[in-house]
Amino acid sequence: MQATATVDRISLAQRIRWNDLIAPWLIRLAFLGVGVLVGLYMLAPRQVKASDNYLPPAYVALPNGVLTLVDGDGLSSTLPVKIADTVAARGVGFTGVGVDALDNELLLYVLTRETTARTTYAMTDIRAPLQAAAINAQGEFVAVHDVGVGTSRVAVPEPHRWLLLARSGAFAALGIEEGVVLDTESVQKVNY
């Protein structure tokens, strides 16, 4: 009788040791993938909103407009503005607009008639100091109010029909000062 040896073959699964080596790494990769997705969909939008050049969708949706200012020498200049002419639009204002984006933005609150009572405007979540110029029904600039960061509302006691809002220092850079008059017929919406 001849002796035969049997060779026990090791299967591929046994050689790879699936449960010992591969499964733990797949679980780690799955957790890493979930972490990346959480970062992309939850944290990244917050980072964008915190950026200095962020323009919130509610502000972007405000209608674009133009207005013409005439200085004491009779020279006129036309400026692009965002127009807030409804109660909802006046509630939006510069809410959440980034600091760098405020450098190029002017916001005009338009009232249907000249107010004679003290009127307040919402200024929540502004990120830079602002200036608000009250303009009466004849188009004359009657007062300029400074609005600091952290101010929730600005009160305008002077009778006014329009309120022009800009970052602090923008009025001086644009030549808006006492004696400048708003051409009341020039205020109009464009591309709406």
Protein backbone atom coordinates (compact mmCIF):
# COMPACT_ATOMS: atom_id res chain seq x y z
CA MET A 1 0.00 0.00 0.00
CA GLN A 2 1.18 3.36 -0.90
CA ALA A 3 0.85 6.33 1.39
CA THR A 4 -0.67 9.51 -0.06
CA ALA A 5 -0.39 12.89 1.48
CA THR A 6 -3.24 15.28 1.35
CA VAL A 7 -2.49 18.93 1.04
CA ASP A 8 -4.90 21.22 2.73
CA ARG A 9 -5.46 24.15 0.42
CA ILE A 10 -5.88 27.56 2.06
CA SER A 11 -8.67 29.50 0.48
CA LEU A 12 -8.25 33.01 -0.85
CA ALA A 13 -10.51 34.41 1.90
CA GLN A 14 -8.34 32.82 4.52
CA ARG A 15 -5.20 34.22 2.94
CA ILE A 16 -6.60 37.75 2.76
CA ARG A 17 -7.95 37.56 6.31
CA TRP A 18 -10.99 39.67 5.42
CA ASN A 19 -12.26 40.18 8.96
CA ASP A 20 -8.84 41.06 10.34
CA LEU A 21 -7.44 43.38 7.68
CA ILE A 22 -9.93 44.61 5.09
CA ALA A 23 -13.21 45.14 7.00
CA PRO A 24 -11.75 47.59 9.56
CA TRP A 25 -10.27 49.76 6.78
CA LEU A 26 -13.55 49.81 4.86
CA ILE A 27 -15.36 50.94 8.00
CA ARG A 28 -12.79 53.72 8.51
CA LEU A 29 -13.21 54.86 4.90
CA ALA A 30 -16.99 54.92 5.30
CA PHE A 31 -16.71 57.17 8.38
CA LEU A 32 -14.29 59.42 6.54
CA GLY A 33 -16.72 59.71 3.60
CA VAL A 34 -19.58 60.63 5.93
CA GLY A 35 -17.38 63.27 7.57
CA VAL A 36 -16.51 64.83 4.20
CA LEU A 37 -20.19 64.95 3.21
CA VAL A 38 -21.15 66.59 6.51
CA GLY A 39 -18.43 69.17 5.92
CA LEU A 40 -19.54 69.89 2.38
CA TYR A 41 -23.23 70.23 3.05
CA MET A 42 -23.31 71.71 6.53
CA LEU A 43 -20.11 73.60 7.25
CA ALA A 44 -19.15 74.99 3.84
CA PRO A 45 -22.29 77.16 3.43
CA ARG A 46 -21.62 78.73 6.84
CA GLN A 47 -18.10 79.55 5.73
CA VAL A 48 -19.41 81.24 2.57
CA LYS A 49 -21.87 83.33 4.58
CA ALA A 50 -19.06 84.46 6.85
CA SER A 51 -16.89 85.62 3.93
CA ASP A 52 -16.27 89.34 3.49
CA ASN A 53 -17.72 89.55 -0.03
CA TYR A 54 -20.94 87.62 0.63
CA LEU A 55 -24.22 88.94 -0.77
CA PRO A 56 -27.28 87.17 0.68
CA PRO A 57 -29.93 85.96 -1.81
CA ALA A 58 -32.59 88.21 -0.24
CA TYR A 59 -30.42 91.28 -0.84
CA VAL A 60 -29.51 90.22 -4.39
CA ALA A 61 -33.24 89.85 -5.15
CA LEU A 62 -33.88 93.54 -4.40
CA PRO A 63 -34.50 95.50 -7.60
CA ASN A 64 -31.64 97.46 -9.14
CA GLY A 65 -32.14 101.13 -9.74
CA VAL A 66 -30.49 104.43 -10.53
CA LEU A 67 -30.70 107.92 -9.11
CA THR A 68 -29.18 111.24 -10.09
CA LEU A 69 -27.62 113.66 -7.64
CA VAL A 70 -26.99 117.32 -8.47
CA ASP A 71 -24.30 119.21 -6.54
CA GLY A 72 -24.20 122.93 -5.71
CA ASP A 73 -22.41 123.73 -8.99
CA GLY A 74 -25.13 122.06 -11.08
CA LEU A 75 -23.04 118.99 -11.95
CA SER A 76 -25.00 115.76 -11.90
CA SER A 77 -23.89 112.21 -11.25
CA THR A 78 -25.88 109.04 -11.70
CA LEU A 79 -25.41 106.27 -9.16
CA PRO A 80 -26.53 102.63 -9.19
CA VAL A 81 -28.52 101.56 -6.12
CA LYS A 82 -30.56 98.70 -4.77
CA ILE A 83 -34.13 99.83 -4.12
CA ALA A 84 -36.13 98.82 -1.04
CA ASP A 85 -39.63 100.09 -1.77
CA THR A 86 -41.79 97.57 0.08
CA VAL A 87 -42.10 96.74 3.77
CA ALA A 88 -40.48 93.33 3.18
CA ALA A 89 -37.61 94.85 1.20
CA ARG A 90 -37.02 97.47 3.88
CA GLY A 91 -36.81 94.62 6.39
CA VAL A 92 -34.04 92.97 4.33
CA GLY A 93 -31.77 95.99 4.01
CA PHE A 94 -28.06 95.24 4.37
CA THR A 95 -28.72 92.16 6.55
CA GLY A 96 -25.79 89.76 6.24
CA VAL A 97 -23.97 91.64 3.47
CA GLY A 98 -20.20 91.10 3.74
CA VAL A 99 -17.82 93.88 4.73
CA ASP A 100 -16.04 94.05 1.36
CA ALA A 101 -19.32 93.84 -0.56
CA LEU A 102 -20.58 96.93 1.29
CA ASP A 103 -17.85 98.99 -0.37
CA ASN A 104 -19.73 98.91 -3.68
CA GLU A 105 -23.33 98.95 -2.53
CA LEU A 106 -25.82 101.77 -2.05
CA LEU A 107 -29.31 101.03 -0.75
CA LEU A 108 -32.22 103.42 -1.22
CA TYR A 109 -35.27 103.06 1.01
CA VAL A 110 -38.24 104.52 -0.89
CA LEU A 111 -41.35 105.57 0.99
CA THR A 112 -44.66 106.33 -0.75
CA ARG A 113 -44.85 109.77 0.86
CA GLU A 114 -42.82 111.97 3.16
CA THR A 115 -43.00 110.78 6.75
CA THR A 116 -43.43 113.36 9.46
CA ALA A 117 -43.13 110.97 12.40
CA ARG A 118 -40.01 109.32 13.76
CA THR A 119 -39.35 106.26 11.57
CA THR A 120 -37.09 103.30 12.36
CA TYR A 121 -35.29 100.97 9.97
CA ALA A 122 -34.01 97.47 10.72
CA MET A 123 -30.22 97.16 10.73
CA THR A 124 -29.76 93.61 12.01
CA ASP A 125 -26.58 91.68 11.24
CA ILE A 126 -24.66 94.55 9.62
CA ARG A 127 -20.93 93.90 9.53
CA ALA A 128 -19.49 97.39 9.05
CA PRO A 129 -20.39 100.92 10.14
CA LEU A 130 -22.90 102.62 7.86
CA GLN A 131 -24.21 106.09 7.14
CA ALA A 132 -27.86 106.87 6.46
CA ALA A 133 -28.80 110.06 4.63
CA ALA A 134 -32.38 111.28 5.06
CA ILE A 135 -33.78 113.02 1.96
CA ASN A 136 -36.97 115.08 2.08
CA ALA A 137 -39.74 115.22 -0.56
CA GLN A 138 -37.97 118.05 -2.43
CA GLY A 139 -34.81 115.91 -2.74
CA GLU A 140 -32.69 117.83 -0.23
CA PHE A 141 -30.38 115.92 2.08
CA VAL A 142 -31.66 116.90 5.53
CA ALA A 143 -29.55 114.71 7.84
CA VAL A 144 -26.86 112.06 7.92
CA HIS A 145 -26.94 109.47 10.70
CA ASP A 146 -24.07 107.16 11.62
CA VAL A 147 -25.00 103.51 12.20
CA GLY A 148 -22.53 101.46 14.21
CA VAL A 149 -21.94 97.72 14.00
CA GLY A 150 -24.33 95.95 16.36
CA THR A 151 -27.11 98.51 15.95
CA SER A 152 -30.44 96.73 15.53
CA ARG A 153 -32.52 99.71 14.39
CA VAL A 154 -31.76 103.26 13.29
CA ALA A 155 -34.27 105.99 14.07
CA VAL A 156 -34.73 108.90 11.67
CA PRO A 157 -36.61 111.76 13.36
CA GLU A 158 -36.40 114.17 10.40
CA PRO A 159 -39.23 114.26 7.85
CA HIS A 160 -38.00 112.28 4.83
CA ARG A 161 -39.21 110.48 1.72
CA TRP A 162 -36.01 108.57 0.94
CA LEU A 163 -33.20 107.13 3.02
CA LEU A 164 -29.88 106.43 1.29
CA LEU A 165 -27.65 103.89 3.04
CA ALA A 166 -23.95 103.28 2.39
CA ARG A 167 -20.82 102.14 4.17
CA SER A 168 -19.27 104.78 6.38
CA GLY A 169 -17.06 107.07 4.30
CA ALA A 170 -18.78 106.28 0.99
CA PHE A 171 -20.73 109.55 0.96
CA ALA A 172 -17.52 111.58 1.27
CA ALA A 173 -15.88 109.50 -1.48
CA LEU A 174 -18.87 110.06 -3.79
CA GLY A 175 -19.11 113.77 -3.04
CA ILE A 176 -22.45 113.47 -1.26
CA GLU A 177 -22.55 116.34 1.21
CA GLU A 178 -24.72 119.22 2.30
CA GLY A 179 -26.00 121.10 -0.72
CA VAL A 180 -26.35 118.01 -2.91
CA VAL A 181 -29.88 117.43 -4.15
CA LEU A 182 -31.54 114.25 -5.33
CA ASP A 183 -33.31 114.63 -8.67
CA THR A 184 -36.63 113.17 -7.52
CA GLU A 185 -37.72 112.28 -11.06
CA SER A 186 -34.55 110.25 -11.66
CA VAL A 187 -35.24 107.51 -9.09
CA GLN A 188 -36.25 104.47 -11.09
CA LYS A 189 -35.89 100.72 -11.23
CA VAL A 190 -33.87 99.14 -14.02
CA ASN A 191 -33.70 95.53 -15.24
CA TYR A 192 -36.55 94.27 -13.10
